[in-house]
Amino acid sequence: MSELLFGKALNWTCWDNRQVLTTQLNAVLVAWAAGQAVKARLNRVDKLEDYGLALAKQPVGLAAWALWSDEALEPLCLSLAAAREPPHPPLCVCYVAPELAQCIAILCEAGAQIVISQLPSLESALAKALPGVRLSNHGFHPLTGGLWERLPWSEVDDL
């Protein structure tokens, strides 16, 4: 089958108002995806309150948040808990600024599977988790993007 039409994609989304986590995560995911013959696609979220809408619009395999101030902790936890709802919860990754390290336990309790406070540890933390991330059956061609998942047989993985 044509990889152009029937390839796999890792759809991921990130809320990071400083773009530090987004940049680091993008580098890790693009490198991982190239070795897996998978395309990594970012759906950037600018406002934390829009995160649920972004997840409803496009199923994602990985969702990420960056906590830079304690004012964002409560809305981030609500967003994180909503992301963990079935049927297909994504891998949830959170970055916490080092001065907010006391918030790590709260984020884990809210549903984060990976919480880091040092960006260099992101690659090693994701190395074991990425093989289990849910991939989408999206084609890479602009005319067929999203069409495959709307077909009745889209859940069949070994076509």
C-alpha atoms as a PDB file:
ATOM      1  CA  MET A   1       0.000   0.000   0.000  1.00  0.00           C
ATOM      2  CA  SER A   2       1.061   3.538  -0.605  1.00  0.00           C
ATOM      3  CA  GLU A   3       2.621   5.184   2.450  1.00  0.00           C
ATOM      4  CA  LEU A   4       1.389   8.491   1.047  1.00  0.00           C
ATOM      5  CA  LEU A   5      -2.231   7.415   1.298  1.00  0.00           C
ATOM      6  CA  PHE A   6      -2.267   4.919   4.163  1.00  0.00           C
ATOM      7  CA  GLY A   7       0.641   5.941   6.404  1.00  0.00           C
ATOM      8  CA  LYS A   8       0.578   6.183  10.183  1.00  0.00           C
ATOM      9  CA  ALA A   9       0.743   9.462  12.064  1.00  0.00           C
ATOM     10  CA  LEU A  10       1.415  10.451  15.643  1.00  0.00           C
ATOM     11  CA  ASN A  11      -0.925  13.354  16.293  1.00  0.00           C
ATOM     12  CA  TRP A  12       0.142  15.323  19.327  1.00  0.00           C
ATOM     13  CA  THR A  13      -0.845  18.548  20.990  1.00  0.00           C
ATOM     14  CA  CYS A  14       0.888  20.893  23.386  1.00  0.00           C
ATOM     15  CA  TRP A  15       0.034  23.855  25.576  1.00  0.00           C
ATOM     16  CA  ASP A  16       3.187  25.821  26.296  1.00  0.00           C
ATOM     17  CA  ASN A  17       3.008  29.609  26.376  1.00  0.00           C
ATOM     18  CA  ARG A  18       6.829  29.904  26.218  1.00  0.00           C
ATOM     19  CA  GLN A  19       7.288  27.263  23.458  1.00  0.00           C
ATOM     20  CA  VAL A  20      10.219  25.668  25.305  1.00  0.00           C
ATOM     21  CA  LEU A  21       8.585  22.265  25.830  1.00  0.00           C
ATOM     22  CA  THR A  22       7.021  22.385  22.368  1.00  0.00           C
ATOM     23  CA  THR A  23      10.401  22.861  20.696  1.00  0.00           C
ATOM     24  CA  GLN A  24      12.110  20.130  22.720  1.00  0.00           C
ATOM     25  CA  LEU A  25       9.226  17.695  22.313  1.00  0.00           C
ATOM     26  CA  ASN A  26       9.011  18.342  18.584  1.00  0.00           C
ATOM     27  CA  ALA A  27      12.706  17.481  18.158  1.00  0.00           C
ATOM     28  CA  VAL A  28      12.305  14.225  20.103  1.00  0.00           C
ATOM     29  CA  LEU A  29       9.119  13.192  18.288  1.00  0.00           C
ATOM     30  CA  VAL A  30      10.377  14.003  14.789  1.00  0.00           C
ATOM     31  CA  ALA A  31      13.530  11.941  15.417  1.00  0.00           C
ATOM     32  CA  TRP A  32      11.488   9.042  16.832  1.00  0.00           C
ATOM     33  CA  ALA A  33       8.916   9.217  14.019  1.00  0.00           C
ATOM     34  CA  ALA A  34      11.597   9.133  11.308  1.00  0.00           C
ATOM     35  CA  GLY A  35      12.898   5.837  12.683  1.00  0.00           C
ATOM     36  CA  GLN A  36       9.383   4.365  12.805  1.00  0.00           C
ATOM     37  CA  ALA A  37       8.167   5.510   9.345  1.00  0.00           C
ATOM     38  CA  VAL A  38       5.556   7.610  11.125  1.00  0.00           C
ATOM     39  CA  LYS A  39       4.696  11.261  10.612  1.00  0.00           C
ATOM     40  CA  ALA A  40       4.536  13.466  13.732  1.00  0.00           C
ATOM     41  CA  ARG A  41       1.848  16.160  13.533  1.00  0.00           C
ATOM     42  CA  LEU A  42       1.539  18.991  16.043  1.00  0.00           C
ATOM     43  CA  ASN A  43      -1.807  20.575  16.870  1.00  0.00           C
ATOM     44  CA  ARG A  44      -0.724  23.615  18.887  1.00  0.00           C
ATOM     45  CA  VAL A  45      -3.060  24.938  21.589  1.00  0.00           C
ATOM     46  CA  ASP A  46      -2.723  28.635  22.420  1.00  0.00           C
ATOM     47  CA  LYS A  47      -5.228  28.859  25.288  1.00  0.00           C
ATOM     48  CA  LEU A  48      -5.473  26.298  28.056  1.00  0.00           C
ATOM     49  CA  GLU A  49      -9.284  26.519  28.017  1.00  0.00           C
ATOM     50  CA  ASP A  50      -9.223  25.409  24.335  1.00  0.00           C
ATOM     51  CA  TYR A  51      -7.359  22.173  25.106  1.00  0.00           C
ATOM     52  CA  GLY A  52     -10.511  20.053  25.394  1.00  0.00           C
ATOM     53  CA  LEU A  53     -11.756  21.330  22.052  1.00  0.00           C
ATOM     54  CA  ALA A  54      -8.435  20.475  20.409  1.00  0.00           C
ATOM     55  CA  LEU A  55      -8.631  16.917  21.759  1.00  0.00           C
ATOM     56  CA  ALA A  56     -12.233  16.516  20.604  1.00  0.00           C
ATOM     57  CA  LYS A  57     -11.436  17.837  17.128  1.00  0.00           C
ATOM     58  CA  GLN A  58      -8.490  15.531  16.462  1.00  0.00           C
ATOM     59  CA  PRO A  59      -7.683  12.315  18.357  1.00  0.00           C
ATOM     60  CA  VAL A  60      -4.134  12.533  19.654  1.00  0.00           C
ATOM     61  CA  GLY A  61      -1.623   9.958  20.827  1.00  0.00           C
ATOM     62  CA  LEU A  62       0.345  12.369  23.006  1.00  0.00           C
ATOM     63  CA  ALA A  63      -0.800  15.443  24.915  1.00  0.00           C
ATOM     64  CA  ALA A  64       1.635  17.801  26.630  1.00  0.00           C
ATOM     65  CA  TRP A  65       1.432  20.737  29.001  1.00  0.00           C
ATOM     66  CA  ALA A  66       4.035  23.113  30.433  1.00  0.00           C
ATOM     67  CA  LEU A  67       3.484  24.619  33.874  1.00  0.00           C
ATOM     68  CA  TRP A  68       5.377  27.901  34.244  1.00  0.00           C
ATOM     69  CA  SER A  69       3.340  29.501  37.043  1.00  0.00           C
ATOM     70  CA  ASP A  70       1.216  28.229  39.895  1.00  0.00           C
ATOM     71  CA  GLU A  71      -1.816  30.242  38.631  1.00  0.00           C
ATOM     72  CA  ALA A  72      -2.168  27.760  35.772  1.00  0.00           C
ATOM     73  CA  LEU A  73      -2.091  24.677  38.032  1.00  0.00           C
ATOM     74  CA  GLU A  74      -5.842  24.282  38.597  1.00  0.00           C
ATOM     75  CA  PRO A  75      -6.937  24.794  34.953  1.00  0.00           C
ATOM     76  CA  LEU A  76      -4.088  22.555  33.816  1.00  0.00           C
ATOM     77  CA  CYS A  77      -5.215  19.779  36.181  1.00  0.00           C
ATOM     78  CA  LEU A  78      -8.808  20.077  34.919  1.00  0.00           C
ATOM     79  CA  SER A  79      -7.576  19.905  31.337  1.00  0.00           C
ATOM     80  CA  LEU A  80      -5.358  16.934  32.171  1.00  0.00           C
ATOM     81  CA  ALA A  81      -8.200  15.038  33.845  1.00  0.00           C
ATOM     82  CA  ALA A  82     -10.466  15.661  30.852  1.00  0.00           C
ATOM     83  CA  ALA A  83      -7.770  14.388  28.475  1.00  0.00           C
ATOM     84  CA  ARG A  84      -7.555  11.080  30.359  1.00  0.00           C
ATOM     85  CA  GLU A  85     -11.227  10.270  29.645  1.00  0.00           C
ATOM     86  CA  PRO A  86     -11.927   7.174  27.538  1.00  0.00           C
ATOM     87  CA  PRO A  87     -12.235   5.879  24.834  1.00  0.00           C
ATOM     88  CA  HIS A  88      -8.636   6.595  23.740  1.00  0.00           C
ATOM     89  CA  PRO A  89      -6.710   8.602  26.329  1.00  0.00           C
ATOM     90  CA  PRO A  90      -3.389   9.955  25.055  1.00  0.00           C
ATOM     91  CA  LEU A  91      -0.019   9.676  26.726  1.00  0.00           C
ATOM     92  CA  CYS A  92       0.010  12.745  28.998  1.00  0.00           C
ATOM     93  CA  VAL A  93       3.317  14.545  29.480  1.00  0.00           C
ATOM     94  CA  CYS A  94       3.857  17.558  31.742  1.00  0.00           C
ATOM     95  CA  TYR A  95       6.835  19.829  32.164  1.00  0.00           C
ATOM     96  CA  VAL A  96       7.063  21.725  35.439  1.00  0.00           C
ATOM     97  CA  ALA A  97       9.386  24.695  35.890  1.00  0.00           C
ATOM     98  CA  PRO A  98      12.060  23.724  38.455  1.00  0.00           C
ATOM     99  CA  GLU A  99      10.795  26.291  40.969  1.00  0.00           C
ATOM    100  CA  LEU A 100       7.368  24.556  40.922  1.00  0.00           C
ATOM    101  CA  ALA A 101       8.674  21.039  41.567  1.00  0.00           C
ATOM    102  CA  GLN A 102       6.291  20.724  44.537  1.00  0.00           C
ATOM    103  CA  CYS A 103       3.448  20.470  41.962  1.00  0.00           C
ATOM    104  CA  ILE A 104       4.716  17.208  40.433  1.00  0.00           C
ATOM    105  CA  ALA A 105       2.642  14.974  42.733  1.00  0.00           C
ATOM    106  CA  ILE A 106      -0.507  17.001  41.992  1.00  0.00           C
ATOM    107  CA  LEU A 107      -0.026  16.563  38.243  1.00  0.00           C
ATOM    108  CA  CYS A 108       0.554  12.817  38.649  1.00  0.00           C
ATOM    109  CA  GLU A 109      -2.639  12.566  40.673  1.00  0.00           C
ATOM    110  CA  ALA A 110      -4.516  14.513  37.973  1.00  0.00           C
ATOM    111  CA  GLY A 111      -3.488  11.897  35.407  1.00  0.00           C
ATOM    112  CA  ALA A 112      -0.084  12.790  33.969  1.00  0.00           C
ATOM    113  CA  GLN A 113       1.962   9.709  33.112  1.00  0.00           C
ATOM    114  CA  ILE A 114       5.254  11.540  32.619  1.00  0.00           C
ATOM    115  CA  VAL A 115       6.150  14.641  34.638  1.00  0.00           C
ATOM    116  CA  ILE A 116       9.569  16.217  34.287  1.00  0.00           C
ATOM    117  CA  SER A 117      11.215  19.324  35.682  1.00  0.00           C
ATOM    118  CA  GLN A 118      14.459  19.061  33.684  1.00  0.00           C
ATOM    119  CA  LEU A 119      14.109  19.195  29.888  1.00  0.00           C
ATOM    120  CA  PRO A 120      17.176  17.015  29.153  1.00  0.00           C
ATOM    121  CA  SER A 121      15.366  14.093  30.804  1.00  0.00           C
ATOM    122  CA  LEU A 122      12.477  14.309  28.313  1.00  0.00           C
ATOM    123  CA  GLU A 123      14.090  12.098  25.660  1.00  0.00           C
ATOM    124  CA  SER A 124      14.927   9.265  28.037  1.00  0.00           C
ATOM    125  CA  ALA A 125      11.489   9.464  29.678  1.00  0.00           C
ATOM    126  CA  LEU A 126       9.742   9.192  26.310  1.00  0.00           C
ATOM    127  CA  ALA A 127      11.989   6.423  24.941  1.00  0.00           C
ATOM    128  CA  LYS A 128      10.067   3.673  26.739  1.00  0.00           C
ATOM    129  CA  ALA A 129       6.608   5.246  26.448  1.00  0.00           C
ATOM    130  CA  LEU A 130       6.509   6.157  22.745  1.00  0.00           C
ATOM    131  CA  PRO A 131       6.270   2.598  21.336  1.00  0.00           C
ATOM    132  CA  GLY A 132       2.894   2.239  23.089  1.00  0.00           C
ATOM    133  CA  VAL A 133       1.450   5.543  21.874  1.00  0.00           C
ATOM    134  CA  ARG A 134      -1.705   5.365  19.770  1.00  0.00           C
ATOM    135  CA  LEU A 135      -1.060   6.149  16.112  1.00  0.00           C
ATOM    136  CA  SER A 136      -3.652   7.364  13.626  1.00  0.00           C
ATOM    137  CA  ASN A 137      -4.273   5.849  10.226  1.00  0.00           C
ATOM    138  CA  HIS A 138      -4.208   9.235   8.520  1.00  0.00           C
ATOM    139  CA  GLY A 139      -2.820   9.441   5.030  1.00  0.00           C
ATOM    140  CA  PHE A 140      -0.192  12.090   4.430  1.00  0.00           C
ATOM    141  CA  HIS A 141      -1.774  13.511   1.303  1.00  0.00           C
ATOM    142  CA  PRO A 142      -3.799  16.719   1.761  1.00  0.00           C
ATOM    143  CA  LEU A 143      -6.742  15.331  -0.230  1.00  0.00           C
ATOM    144  CA  THR A 144      -7.014  12.133   1.812  1.00  0.00           C
ATOM    145  CA  GLY A 145      -5.982  13.414   5.244  1.00  0.00           C
ATOM    146  CA  GLY A 146      -8.614  12.311   7.761  1.00  0.00           C
ATOM    147  CA  LEU A 147     -10.637  10.373   5.197  1.00  0.00           C
ATOM    148  CA  TRP A 148      -9.272   6.979   6.243  1.00  0.00           C
ATOM    149  CA  GLU A 149     -10.523   7.269   9.845  1.00  0.00           C
ATOM    150  CA  ARG A 150     -14.049   8.122   8.693  1.00  0.00           C
ATOM    151  CA  LEU A 151     -14.354   4.857   6.761  1.00  0.00           C
ATOM    152  CA  PRO A 152     -16.064   1.907   8.500  1.00  0.00           C
ATOM    153  CA  TRP A 153     -12.935  -0.251   8.414  1.00  0.00           C
ATOM    154  CA  SER A 154     -10.603   2.447   9.824  1.00  0.00           C
ATOM    155  CA  GLU A 155      -9.982   0.513  13.047  1.00  0.00           C
ATOM    156  CA  VAL A 156      -8.409  -2.408  11.185  1.00  0.00           C
ATOM    157  CA  ASP A 157      -4.655  -1.989  11.701  1.00  0.00           C
ATOM    158  CA  ASP A 158      -3.248  -4.649   9.418  1.00  0.00           C
ATOM    159  CA  LEU A 159      -4.578  -3.536   6.043  1.00  0.00           C
END
